[in-house]
Amino acid sequence: MAQRLATEYVNTCLVLGESELRQLFKQFQISNLPFKVKVLDNGDHEVIFEESRAIRSVLRFSRRRGKYVLQADCRFSNIDVADAIRKAISTFKGDATVRRIYAYYTLEYVYRNGSVVKIKECTPQAERLIYENQETCDSLTKIFQNQSVAIQIRMTRQQIDHLLDERNRSTQTEQVARIDHQLQQLTHQLFIFEA
C-alpha cells in the first residue's frame, strides 16, 4: 500500500454554530490530536495543530453573525489530523477539495454539503475520473436547461414588446388582427415556458 505523504484541503468551507464548534473540539480530543484552541479578542477561534516540532498548522474560525466560519486552504502531514478534518467536513456538511498526496500520484476528492461528489486520480501524465455523483451531473444539466428556458422567455418577451409597439403604431385593422393573433400565440408560449 502506498504511503500518503500529505493531505491538502483546498477551498475548505465549514460553517458551525457554537455547540457544533464545541462538538468538533470534543471530537479532536477523543481522537487524541495534538491541538490547542486560542480565542481571539474579536471572538474568532484559532485551532493550532502541532504535527511536529517544525510543522504547525492553524485553522481560523471567524465569528460571523453568531456562526463560526472556516474558509481555508491547509496542508497536513499527520494522517490522524487530516482524517479528523475530513470527518468534520462530512459531519458538519462542509465543502472542500481534498488532495491525498502520494509519491507518484494524487487522489482528489470533491466534497459538497458533506458528501463526496467526485473522485479523480491525478498523475503528471494524466487525470482519471474514478467516481462522479450522477445527481451532480443531473443537477448541472437541469441548471443548463433552466438557463435555456430563461433565454427563451427573455426572447419571447422582447418579441411581445416589439409587437405591442408595432400594434400601437398600426392604423390598419387587418394588420392589428394579424398582430393580435401573433401576440396570442406568443403569450401562450410564454405561459408554457414560465410553467
N, C-alpha and C. Protein backbone atom coordinates (compact mmCIF):
# COMPACT_ATOMS: atom_id res chain seq x y z
N MET A 1 0.85 -1.18 0.00
CA MET A 1 0.00 0.00 0.00
C MET A 1 0.89 1.25 0.00
N ALA A 2 0.57 2.18 -0.86
CA ALA A 2 1.35 3.42 -0.96
C ALA A 2 1.15 4.27 0.29
N GLN A 3 2.21 4.91 0.73
CA GLN A 3 2.14 5.74 1.93
C GLN A 3 1.80 7.17 1.54
N ARG A 4 0.80 7.71 2.24
CA ARG A 4 0.39 9.08 1.98
C ARG A 4 1.44 10.04 2.53
N LEU A 5 1.85 10.98 1.71
CA LEU A 5 2.85 11.96 2.12
C LEU A 5 2.22 13.14 2.84
N ALA A 6 1.08 13.58 2.33
CA ALA A 6 0.39 14.73 2.92
C ALA A 6 -1.05 14.77 2.42
N THR A 7 -1.83 15.60 3.07
CA THR A 7 -3.21 15.82 2.65
C THR A 7 -3.43 17.32 2.59
N GLU A 8 -3.92 17.80 1.43
CA GLU A 8 -4.22 19.21 1.25
C GLU A 8 -5.73 19.41 1.22
N TYR A 9 -6.16 20.45 1.90
CA TYR A 9 -7.56 20.86 1.86
C TYR A 9 -7.59 22.20 1.14
N VAL A 10 -8.31 22.25 0.02
CA VAL A 10 -8.36 23.45 -0.81
C VAL A 10 -9.79 23.96 -0.83
N ASN A 11 -9.96 25.27 -0.73
CA ASN A 11 -11.29 25.91 -0.75
C ASN A 11 -12.22 25.27 0.29
N THR A 12 -11.69 25.05 1.47
CA THR A 12 -12.47 24.44 2.54
C THR A 12 -13.42 25.47 3.12
N CYS A 13 -14.67 25.07 3.28
CA CYS A 13 -15.67 25.95 3.87
C CYS A 13 -16.51 25.14 4.86
N LEU A 14 -16.50 25.57 6.10
CA LEU A 14 -17.23 24.90 7.15
C LEU A 14 -17.90 25.97 8.00
N VAL A 15 -19.20 25.87 8.20
CA VAL A 15 -19.95 26.84 8.99
C VAL A 15 -20.57 26.11 10.18
N LEU A 16 -20.18 26.54 11.39
CA LEU A 16 -20.60 25.85 12.61
C LEU A 16 -21.26 26.81 13.58
N GLY A 17 -22.24 26.29 14.29
CA GLY A 17 -22.80 27.03 15.41
C GLY A 17 -21.90 26.83 16.62
N GLU A 18 -22.21 27.51 17.72
CA GLU A 18 -21.38 27.41 18.93
C GLU A 18 -21.31 25.98 19.45
N SER A 19 -22.44 25.30 19.52
CA SER A 19 -22.45 23.92 20.04
C SER A 19 -21.71 22.97 19.08
N GLU A 20 -21.83 23.22 17.78
CA GLU A 20 -21.13 22.37 16.81
C GLU A 20 -19.61 22.56 16.92
N LEU A 21 -19.18 23.79 17.19
CA LEU A 21 -17.76 24.05 17.36
C LEU A 21 -17.23 23.30 18.59
N ARG A 22 -17.99 23.32 19.68
CA ARG A 22 -17.59 22.57 20.88
C ARG A 22 -17.55 21.07 20.58
N GLN A 23 -18.53 20.60 19.81
CA GLN A 23 -18.58 19.19 19.42
C GLN A 23 -17.35 18.82 18.58
N LEU A 24 -16.93 19.71 17.69
CA LEU A 24 -15.75 19.47 16.87
C LEU A 24 -14.50 19.36 17.75
N PHE A 25 -14.36 20.27 18.72
CA PHE A 25 -13.22 20.22 19.62
C PHE A 25 -13.23 18.93 20.44
N LYS A 26 -14.41 18.48 20.83
CA LYS A 26 -14.52 17.22 21.58
C LYS A 26 -14.08 16.04 20.72
N GLN A 27 -14.45 16.07 19.43
CA GLN A 27 -14.01 15.01 18.51
C GLN A 27 -12.49 15.00 18.40
N PHE A 28 -11.89 16.18 18.34
CA PHE A 28 -10.42 16.26 18.29
C PHE A 28 -9.81 15.67 19.56
N GLN A 29 -10.41 15.94 20.73
CA GLN A 29 -9.91 15.40 21.99
C GLN A 29 -10.03 13.88 22.03
N ILE A 30 -11.18 13.37 21.61
CA ILE A 30 -11.41 11.92 21.60
C ILE A 30 -10.40 11.23 20.70
N SER A 31 -10.03 11.89 19.59
CA SER A 31 -9.06 11.32 18.64
C SER A 31 -7.61 11.51 19.11
N ASN A 32 -7.42 12.11 20.31
CA ASN A 32 -6.08 12.36 20.86
C ASN A 32 -5.19 13.16 19.91
N LEU A 33 -5.77 14.19 19.30
CA LEU A 33 -4.99 15.02 18.38
C LEU A 33 -4.21 16.07 19.16
N PRO A 34 -3.02 16.40 18.67
CA PRO A 34 -2.20 17.44 19.33
C PRO A 34 -2.67 18.83 18.91
N PHE A 35 -3.63 19.41 19.64
CA PHE A 35 -4.14 20.72 19.24
C PHE A 35 -4.36 21.62 20.45
N LYS A 36 -4.40 22.92 20.17
CA LYS A 36 -4.72 23.94 21.17
C LYS A 36 -5.73 24.87 20.52
N VAL A 37 -6.58 25.46 21.35
CA VAL A 37 -7.55 26.45 20.86
C VAL A 37 -7.20 27.79 21.47
N LYS A 38 -7.11 28.77 20.61
CA LYS A 38 -6.82 30.15 21.04
C LYS A 38 -8.03 31.00 20.68
N VAL A 39 -8.63 31.66 21.69
CA VAL A 39 -9.77 32.54 21.45
C VAL A 39 -9.24 33.96 21.34
N LEU A 40 -9.53 34.61 20.23
CA LEU A 40 -9.04 35.96 19.98
C LEU A 40 -10.02 37.00 20.53
N ASP A 41 -9.56 38.24 20.62
CA ASP A 41 -10.37 39.32 21.19
C ASP A 41 -11.69 39.52 20.46
N ASN A 42 -11.69 39.32 19.13
CA ASN A 42 -12.91 39.55 18.35
C ASN A 42 -13.85 38.34 18.35
N GLY A 43 -13.52 37.28 19.11
CA GLY A 43 -14.38 36.10 19.18
C GLY A 43 -13.98 34.99 18.23
N ASP A 44 -13.06 35.27 17.32
CA ASP A 44 -12.57 34.22 16.42
C ASP A 44 -11.83 33.16 17.24
N HIS A 45 -11.81 31.93 16.71
CA HIS A 45 -11.09 30.84 17.35
C HIS A 45 -10.02 30.33 16.39
N GLU A 46 -8.82 30.16 16.90
CA GLU A 46 -7.75 29.54 16.13
C GLU A 46 -7.48 28.17 16.71
N VAL A 47 -7.47 27.16 15.86
CA VAL A 47 -7.14 25.80 16.27
C VAL A 47 -5.74 25.53 15.74
N ILE A 48 -4.83 25.25 16.66
CA ILE A 48 -3.42 25.08 16.30
C ILE A 48 -3.07 23.61 16.47
N PHE A 49 -2.65 22.98 15.37
CA PHE A 49 -2.22 21.58 15.40
C PHE A 49 -0.70 21.55 15.38
N GLU A 50 -0.11 20.91 16.37
CA GLU A 50 1.34 20.71 16.44
C GLU A 50 1.63 19.33 15.86
N GLU A 51 1.90 19.27 14.55
CA GLU A 51 2.14 17.98 13.91
C GLU A 51 3.53 17.45 14.25
N SER A 52 4.47 18.34 14.42
CA SER A 52 5.83 18.00 14.86
C SER A 52 6.44 19.30 15.39
N ARG A 53 7.67 19.26 15.81
CA ARG A 53 8.29 20.49 16.30
C ARG A 53 8.40 21.55 15.20
N ALA A 54 8.58 21.09 13.99
CA ALA A 54 8.79 22.02 12.87
C ALA A 54 7.49 22.35 12.13
N ILE A 55 6.50 21.47 12.22
CA ILE A 55 5.27 21.66 11.44
C ILE A 55 4.11 22.02 12.37
N ARG A 56 3.52 23.15 12.07
CA ARG A 56 2.39 23.66 12.85
C ARG A 56 1.34 24.17 11.88
N SER A 57 0.10 23.75 12.05
CA SER A 57 -1.00 24.19 11.17
C SER A 57 -2.02 24.93 12.00
N VAL A 58 -2.55 26.02 11.43
CA VAL A 58 -3.54 26.83 12.14
C VAL A 58 -4.80 26.94 11.30
N LEU A 59 -5.93 26.63 11.91
CA LEU A 59 -7.24 26.82 11.28
C LEU A 59 -7.94 27.94 12.03
N ARG A 60 -8.41 28.94 11.30
CA ARG A 60 -9.08 30.08 11.93
C ARG A 60 -10.57 30.04 11.64
N PHE A 61 -11.36 29.96 12.71
CA PHE A 61 -12.81 30.01 12.63
C PHE A 61 -13.23 31.44 12.93
N SER A 62 -13.66 32.17 11.91
CA SER A 62 -14.06 33.57 12.07
C SER A 62 -15.50 33.64 12.55
N ARG A 63 -15.74 34.49 13.51
CA ARG A 63 -17.10 34.64 14.05
C ARG A 63 -17.87 35.62 13.17
N ARG A 64 -18.97 35.11 12.59
CA ARG A 64 -19.82 35.93 11.72
C ARG A 64 -21.28 35.64 12.00
N ARG A 65 -21.99 36.65 12.48
CA ARG A 65 -23.43 36.55 12.72
C ARG A 65 -23.80 35.32 13.56
N GLY A 66 -23.06 35.11 14.63
CA GLY A 66 -23.36 34.01 15.55
C GLY A 66 -22.88 32.64 15.09
N LYS A 67 -22.18 32.59 13.99
CA LYS A 67 -21.63 31.32 13.47
C LYS A 67 -20.12 31.42 13.43
N TYR A 68 -19.48 30.27 13.35
CA TYR A 68 -18.03 30.20 13.19
C TYR A 68 -17.74 29.64 11.81
N VAL A 69 -17.04 30.42 11.01
CA VAL A 69 -16.81 30.08 9.61
C VAL A 69 -15.33 29.81 9.37
N LEU A 70 -15.06 28.63 8.82
CA LEU A 70 -13.70 28.28 8.41
C LEU A 70 -13.66 28.35 6.89
N GLN A 71 -12.84 29.21 6.36
CA GLN A 71 -12.57 29.27 4.93
C GLN A 71 -11.06 29.26 4.80
N ALA A 72 -10.54 28.10 4.36
CA ALA A 72 -9.08 27.96 4.41
C ALA A 72 -8.57 26.96 3.39
N ASP A 73 -7.29 27.11 3.11
CA ASP A 73 -6.50 26.11 2.40
C ASP A 73 -5.45 25.67 3.41
N CYS A 74 -5.29 24.38 3.58
CA CYS A 74 -4.30 23.90 4.55
C CYS A 74 -3.73 22.56 4.11
N ARG A 75 -2.59 22.23 4.71
CA ARG A 75 -1.87 21.00 4.36
C ARG A 75 -1.45 20.31 5.65
N PHE A 76 -1.72 19.01 5.73
CA PHE A 76 -1.37 18.24 6.92
C PHE A 76 -0.52 17.05 6.52
N SER A 77 0.54 16.80 7.29
CA SER A 77 1.34 15.59 7.07
C SER A 77 0.91 14.51 8.05
N ASN A 78 0.27 14.91 9.14
CA ASN A 78 -0.24 13.96 10.13
C ASN A 78 -1.57 13.39 9.62
N ILE A 79 -1.59 12.09 9.36
CA ILE A 79 -2.78 11.46 8.78
C ILE A 79 -3.98 11.53 9.74
N ASP A 80 -3.73 11.42 11.04
CA ASP A 80 -4.83 11.48 12.02
C ASP A 80 -5.51 12.85 12.00
N VAL A 81 -4.72 13.90 11.91
CA VAL A 81 -5.28 15.26 11.84
C VAL A 81 -6.07 15.42 10.54
N ALA A 82 -5.48 14.97 9.42
CA ALA A 82 -6.16 15.07 8.12
C ALA A 82 -7.49 14.32 8.13
N ASP A 83 -7.51 13.13 8.73
CA ASP A 83 -8.75 12.35 8.78
C ASP A 83 -9.79 13.01 9.69
N ALA A 84 -9.33 13.65 10.77
CA ALA A 84 -10.27 14.34 11.65
C ALA A 84 -10.93 15.52 10.93
N ILE A 85 -10.16 16.23 10.12
CA ILE A 85 -10.73 17.35 9.35
C ILE A 85 -11.72 16.81 8.32
N ARG A 86 -11.37 15.69 7.67
CA ARG A 86 -12.28 15.07 6.70
C ARG A 86 -13.60 14.68 7.37
N LYS A 87 -13.51 14.08 8.56
CA LYS A 87 -14.73 13.69 9.30
C LYS A 87 -15.56 14.92 9.65
N ALA A 88 -14.88 16.02 10.01
CA ALA A 88 -15.59 17.25 10.34
C ALA A 88 -16.34 17.78 9.13
N ILE A 89 -15.70 17.75 7.97
CA ILE A 89 -16.36 18.21 6.74
C ILE A 89 -17.59 17.36 6.45
N SER A 90 -17.45 16.07 6.64
CA SER A 90 -18.57 15.16 6.39
C SER A 90 -19.68 15.35 7.43
N THR A 91 -19.32 15.39 8.70
CA THR A 91 -20.30 15.50 9.79
C THR A 91 -21.06 16.83 9.74
N PHE A 92 -20.34 17.91 9.51
CA PHE A 92 -20.94 19.24 9.59
C PHE A 92 -21.30 19.82 8.21
N LYS A 93 -21.38 18.94 7.22
CA LYS A 93 -21.87 19.30 5.87
C LYS A 93 -21.07 20.43 5.22
N GLY A 94 -19.75 20.31 5.25
CA GLY A 94 -18.89 21.32 4.66
C GLY A 94 -18.57 21.04 3.21
N ASP A 95 -17.86 21.98 2.60
CA ASP A 95 -17.39 21.86 1.22
C ASP A 95 -15.86 21.91 1.23
N ALA A 96 -15.25 21.12 0.36
CA ALA A 96 -13.78 21.15 0.24
C ALA A 96 -13.33 20.32 -0.94
N THR A 97 -12.14 20.61 -1.39
CA THR A 97 -11.43 19.73 -2.32
C THR A 97 -10.26 19.18 -1.52
N VAL A 98 -10.23 17.86 -1.39
CA VAL A 98 -9.22 17.20 -0.58
C VAL A 98 -8.27 16.45 -1.50
N ARG A 99 -6.98 16.75 -1.37
CA ARG A 99 -5.97 16.08 -2.19
C ARG A 99 -5.10 15.22 -1.29
N ARG A 100 -5.21 13.90 -1.48
CA ARG A 100 -4.34 12.97 -0.77
C ARG A 100 -3.12 12.75 -1.65
N ILE A 101 -1.98 13.18 -1.17
CA ILE A 101 -0.77 13.19 -1.99
C ILE A 101 0.09 11.97 -1.66
N TYR A 102 0.40 11.20 -2.69
CA TYR A 102 1.29 10.04 -2.60
C TYR A 102 2.52 10.32 -3.46
N ALA A 103 3.49 9.43 -3.43
CA ALA A 103 4.75 9.67 -4.14
C ALA A 103 4.56 9.86 -5.64
N TYR A 104 3.71 9.06 -6.27
CA TYR A 104 3.61 9.09 -7.73
C TYR A 104 2.25 9.55 -8.26
N TYR A 105 1.32 9.82 -7.37
CA TYR A 105 0.00 10.27 -7.81
C TYR A 105 -0.71 11.00 -6.68
N THR A 106 -1.82 11.63 -7.01
CA THR A 106 -2.66 12.32 -6.03
C THR A 106 -4.10 11.90 -6.26
N LEU A 107 -4.80 11.59 -5.18
CA LEU A 107 -6.24 11.33 -5.26
C LEU A 107 -6.95 12.59 -4.80
N GLU A 108 -7.88 13.07 -5.63
CA GLU A 108 -8.59 14.30 -5.32
C GLU A 108 -10.06 13.98 -5.08
N TYR A 109 -10.55 14.37 -3.91
CA TYR A 109 -11.94 14.16 -3.52
C TYR A 109 -12.62 15.52 -3.45
N VAL A 110 -13.77 15.66 -4.07
CA VAL A 110 -14.53 16.90 -4.00
C VAL A 110 -15.75 16.65 -3.12
N TYR A 111 -15.84 17.43 -2.03
CA TYR A 111 -16.96 17.34 -1.09
C TYR A 111 -17.89 18.52 -1.31
N ARG A 112 -19.18 18.25 -1.38
CA ARG A 112 -20.21 19.28 -1.43
C ARG A 112 -21.27 18.92 -0.40
N ASN A 113 -21.53 19.82 0.50
CA ASN A 113 -22.52 19.61 1.54
C ASN A 113 -22.24 18.32 2.32
N GLY A 114 -20.96 18.05 2.57
CA GLY A 114 -20.55 16.91 3.38
C GLY A 114 -20.43 15.58 2.67
N SER A 115 -20.78 15.53 1.40
CA SER A 115 -20.74 14.27 0.64
C SER A 115 -19.72 14.35 -0.49
N VAL A 116 -19.12 13.21 -0.78
CA VAL A 116 -18.18 13.14 -1.89
C VAL A 116 -18.98 13.13 -3.19
N VAL A 117 -18.69 14.09 -4.07
CA VAL A 117 -19.39 14.16 -5.36
C VAL A 117 -18.48 13.78 -6.52
N LYS A 118 -17.16 13.76 -6.26
CA LYS A 118 -16.24 13.42 -7.35
C LYS A 118 -14.92 12.93 -6.77
N ILE A 119 -14.36 11.91 -7.41
CA ILE A 119 -13.02 11.42 -7.06
C ILE A 119 -12.25 11.26 -8.36
N LYS A 120 -11.02 11.77 -8.38
CA LYS A 120 -10.18 11.56 -9.55
C LYS A 120 -8.74 11.30 -9.14
N GLU A 121 -8.05 10.58 -9.98
CA GLU A 121 -6.65 10.28 -9.77
C GLU A 121 -5.84 11.17 -10.70
N CYS A 122 -4.84 11.85 -10.14
CA CYS A 122 -4.02 12.77 -10.92
C CYS A 122 -2.57 12.30 -10.88
N THR A 123 -2.00 12.16 -12.06
CA THR A 123 -0.57 11.87 -12.19
C THR A 123 0.03 12.96 -13.06
N PRO A 124 1.35 13.04 -13.14
CA PRO A 124 1.93 14.06 -14.02
C PRO A 124 1.52 13.87 -15.49
N GLN A 125 1.17 12.65 -15.87
CA GLN A 125 0.82 12.37 -17.27
C GLN A 125 -0.66 12.62 -17.58
N ALA A 126 -1.55 12.34 -16.61
CA ALA A 126 -2.99 12.40 -16.94
C ALA A 126 -3.84 12.46 -15.67
N GLU A 127 -5.12 12.74 -15.90
CA GLU A 127 -6.12 12.66 -14.84
C GLU A 127 -7.13 11.60 -15.23
N ARG A 128 -7.59 10.83 -14.23
CA ARG A 128 -8.55 9.77 -14.50
C ARG A 128 -9.70 9.91 -13.50
N LEU A 129 -10.93 10.04 -14.04
CA LEU A 129 -12.11 10.14 -13.20
C LEU A 129 -12.43 8.76 -12.63
N ILE A 130 -12.52 8.68 -11.33
CA ILE A 130 -12.82 7.41 -10.66
C ILE A 130 -14.29 7.34 -10.31
N TYR A 131 -14.84 8.46 -9.83
CA TYR A 131 -16.24 8.50 -9.38
C TYR A 131 -16.79 9.89 -9.58
N GLU A 132 -18.04 9.94 -9.99
CA GLU A 132 -18.75 11.22 -10.03
C GLU A 132 -20.20 10.97 -9.70
N ASN A 133 -20.70 11.72 -8.75
CA ASN A 133 -22.08 11.57 -8.32
C ASN A 133 -23.00 11.97 -9.48
N GLN A 134 -23.81 11.05 -9.93
CA GLN A 134 -24.67 11.30 -11.08
C GLN A 134 -25.68 12.40 -10.81
N GLU A 135 -26.10 12.53 -9.55
CA GLU A 135 -27.05 13.59 -9.21
C GLU A 135 -26.46 14.96 -9.49
N THR A 136 -25.14 15.09 -9.27
CA THR A 136 -24.47 16.36 -9.54
C THR A 136 -24.55 16.67 -11.03
N CYS A 137 -24.29 15.65 -11.87
CA CYS A 137 -24.37 15.85 -13.32
C CYS A 137 -25.80 16.21 -13.73
N ASP A 138 -26.77 15.49 -13.14
CA ASP A 138 -28.17 15.75 -13.46
C ASP A 138 -28.57 17.16 -13.05
N SER A 139 -28.10 17.60 -11.87
CA SER A 139 -28.47 18.94 -11.42
C SER A 139 -27.83 20.01 -12.30
N LEU A 140 -26.59 19.77 -12.76
CA LEU A 140 -25.96 20.72 -13.67
C LEU A 140 -26.71 20.77 -15.00
N THR A 141 -27.17 19.62 -15.48
CA THR A 141 -27.96 19.58 -16.71
C THR A 141 -29.25 20.37 -16.54
N LYS A 142 -29.90 20.21 -15.37
CA LYS A 142 -31.14 20.95 -15.11
C LYS A 142 -30.88 22.45 -15.06
N ILE A 143 -29.76 22.83 -14.44
CA ILE A 143 -29.42 24.26 -14.37
C ILE A 143 -29.23 24.81 -15.78
N PHE A 144 -28.52 24.06 -16.62
CA PHE A 144 -28.30 24.48 -18.00
C PHE A 144 -29.64 24.62 -18.73
N GLN A 145 -30.53 23.62 -18.55
CA GLN A 145 -31.83 23.68 -19.21
C GLN A 145 -32.64 24.87 -18.70
N ASN A 146 -32.57 25.15 -17.40
CA ASN A 146 -33.28 26.29 -16.84
C ASN A 146 -32.76 27.60 -17.43
N GLN A 147 -31.46 27.69 -17.66
CA GLN A 147 -30.90 28.89 -18.28
C GLN A 147 -31.39 29.01 -19.71
N SER A 148 -31.51 27.87 -20.39
CA SER A 148 -32.00 27.87 -21.76
C SER A 148 -33.44 28.39 -21.80
N VAL A 149 -34.25 27.94 -20.86
CA VAL A 149 -35.64 28.41 -20.79
C VAL A 149 -35.68 29.90 -20.47
N ALA A 150 -34.80 30.34 -19.58
CA ALA A 150 -34.76 31.77 -19.23
C ALA A 150 -34.43 32.62 -20.46
N ILE A 151 -33.53 32.13 -21.28
CA ILE A 151 -33.19 32.85 -22.52
C ILE A 151 -34.39 32.90 -23.45
N GLN A 152 -35.11 31.78 -23.59
CA GLN A 152 -36.29 31.74 -24.44
C GLN A 152 -37.38 32.68 -23.92
N ILE A 153 -37.54 32.74 -22.60
CA ILE A 153 -38.52 33.65 -22.00
C ILE A 153 -38.15 35.10 -22.33
N ARG A 154 -36.88 35.44 -22.17
CA ARG A 154 -36.43 36.80 -22.46
C ARG A 154 -36.67 37.16 -23.94
N MET A 155 -36.37 36.22 -24.84
CA MET A 155 -36.56 36.48 -26.27
C MET A 155 -38.04 36.62 -26.61
N THR A 156 -38.87 35.79 -26.00
CA THR A 156 -40.31 35.86 -26.26
C THR A 156 -40.87 37.19 -25.76
N ARG A 157 -40.43 37.63 -24.60
CA ARG A 157 -40.88 38.93 -24.07
C ARG A 157 -40.46 40.08 -24.98
N GLN A 158 -39.25 39.98 -25.53
CA GLN A 158 -38.79 41.01 -26.47
C GLN A 158 -39.67 41.04 -27.72
N GLN A 159 -40.04 39.85 -28.21
CA GLN A 159 -40.92 39.78 -29.39
C GLN A 159 -42.27 40.39 -29.06
N ILE A 160 -42.80 40.10 -27.87
CA ILE A 160 -44.10 40.65 -27.46
C ILE A 160 -44.01 42.18 -27.38
N ASP A 161 -42.95 42.68 -26.77
CA ASP A 161 -42.77 44.14 -26.67
C ASP A 161 -42.71 44.78 -28.06
N HIS A 162 -41.97 44.14 -28.96
CA HIS A 162 -41.86 44.66 -30.33
C HIS A 162 -43.24 44.68 -31.01
N LEU A 163 -43.99 43.59 -30.87
CA LEU A 163 -45.32 43.52 -31.50
C LEU A 163 -46.29 44.54 -30.88
N LEU A 164 -46.18 44.76 -29.56
CA LEU A 164 -47.05 45.76 -28.93
C LEU A 164 -46.75 47.16 -29.44
N ASP A 165 -45.45 47.46 -29.62
CA ASP A 165 -45.07 48.75 -30.20
C ASP A 165 -45.62 48.89 -31.62
N GLU A 166 -45.50 47.80 -32.38
CA GLU A 166 -46.00 47.80 -33.77
C GLU A 166 -47.51 47.97 -33.80
N ARG A 167 -48.21 47.33 -32.85
CA ARG A 167 -49.68 47.42 -32.79
C ARG A 167 -50.11 48.85 -32.46
N ASN A 168 -49.39 49.50 -31.56
CA ASN A 168 -49.73 50.87 -31.18
C ASN A 168 -49.55 51.84 -32.35
N ARG A 169 -48.59 51.55 -33.24
CA ARG A 169 -48.34 52.41 -34.40
C ARG A 169 -49.29 52.10 -35.56
N SER A 170 -49.83 50.91 -35.58
CA SER A 170 -50.63 50.47 -36.73
C SER A 170 -52.02 51.12 -36.74
N THR A 171 -52.47 51.42 -37.98
CA THR A 171 -53.81 52.02 -38.15
C THR A 171 -54.73 51.11 -38.96
N GLN A 172 -54.18 50.09 -39.60
CA GLN A 172 -54.97 49.18 -40.44
C GLN A 172 -55.50 48.04 -39.58
N THR A 173 -56.81 47.77 -39.74
CA THR A 173 -57.46 46.73 -38.93
C THR A 173 -56.93 45.33 -39.26
N GLU A 174 -56.58 45.09 -40.53
CA GLU A 174 -56.02 43.79 -40.91
C GLU A 174 -54.70 43.55 -40.20
N GLN A 175 -53.86 44.54 -40.18
CA GLN A 175 -52.54 44.42 -39.55
C GLN A 175 -52.69 44.25 -38.03
N VAL A 176 -53.64 44.96 -37.42
CA VAL A 176 -53.90 44.84 -35.98
C VAL A 176 -54.37 43.43 -35.65
N ALA A 177 -55.25 42.86 -36.51
CA ALA A 177 -55.75 41.50 -36.29
C ALA A 177 -54.60 40.49 -36.38
N ARG A 178 -53.71 40.67 -37.36
CA ARG A 178 -52.55 39.77 -37.51
C ARG A 178 -51.64 39.86 -36.28
N ILE A 179 -51.38 41.08 -35.80
CA ILE A 179 -50.54 41.28 -34.63
C ILE A 179 -51.18 40.67 -33.39
N ASP A 180 -52.51 40.86 -33.25
CA ASP A 180 -53.22 40.28 -32.10
C ASP A 180 -53.10 38.76 -32.09
N HIS A 181 -53.19 38.15 -33.27
CA HIS A 181 -53.05 36.69 -33.39
C HIS A 181 -51.63 36.26 -32.97
N GLN A 182 -50.62 36.99 -33.43
CA GLN A 182 -49.24 36.66 -33.05
C GLN A 182 -49.02 36.86 -31.55
N LEU A 183 -49.60 37.92 -31.01
CA LEU A 183 -49.48 38.17 -29.57
C LEU A 183 -50.13 37.05 -28.75
N GLN A 184 -51.27 36.58 -29.23
CA GLN A 184 -51.96 35.48 -28.54
C GLN A 184 -51.07 34.23 -28.52
N GLN A 185 -50.43 33.91 -29.65
CA GLN A 185 -49.55 32.74 -29.72
C GLN A 185 -48.33 32.91 -28.81
N LEU A 186 -47.74 34.10 -28.83
CA LEU A 186 -46.55 34.34 -28.02
C LEU A 186 -46.86 34.33 -26.52
N THR A 187 -48.00 34.88 -26.12
CA THR A 187 -48.36 34.87 -24.69
C THR A 187 -48.64 33.44 -24.22
N HIS A 188 -49.23 32.63 -25.09
CA HIS A 188 -49.45 31.22 -24.76
C HIS A 188 -48.08 30.50 -24.62
N GLN A 189 -47.18 30.78 -25.54
CA GLN A 189 -45.84 30.20 -25.49
C GLN A 189 -45.09 30.65 -24.21
N LEU A 190 -45.24 31.91 -23.86
CA LEU A 190 -44.61 32.45 -22.65
C LEU A 190 -45.18 31.76 -21.39
N PHE A 191 -46.49 31.55 -21.39
CA PHE A 191 -47.13 30.85 -20.29
C PHE A 191 -46.54 29.45 -20.13
N ILE A 192 -46.32 28.73 -21.22
CA ILE A 192 -45.74 27.39 -21.20
C ILE A 192 -44.32 27.42 -20.67
N PHE A 193 -43.51 28.38 -21.15
CA PHE A 193 -42.13 28.48 -20.69
C PHE A 193 -42.06 28.75 -19.20
N GLU A 194 -42.90 29.66 -18.72
CA GLU A 194 -42.85 30.03 -17.30
C GLU A 194 -43.40 28.94 -16.41
N ALA A 195 -44.24 28.08 -16.95
CA ALA A 195 -44.77 26.96 -16.16
C ALA A 195 -43.66 25.95 -15.96
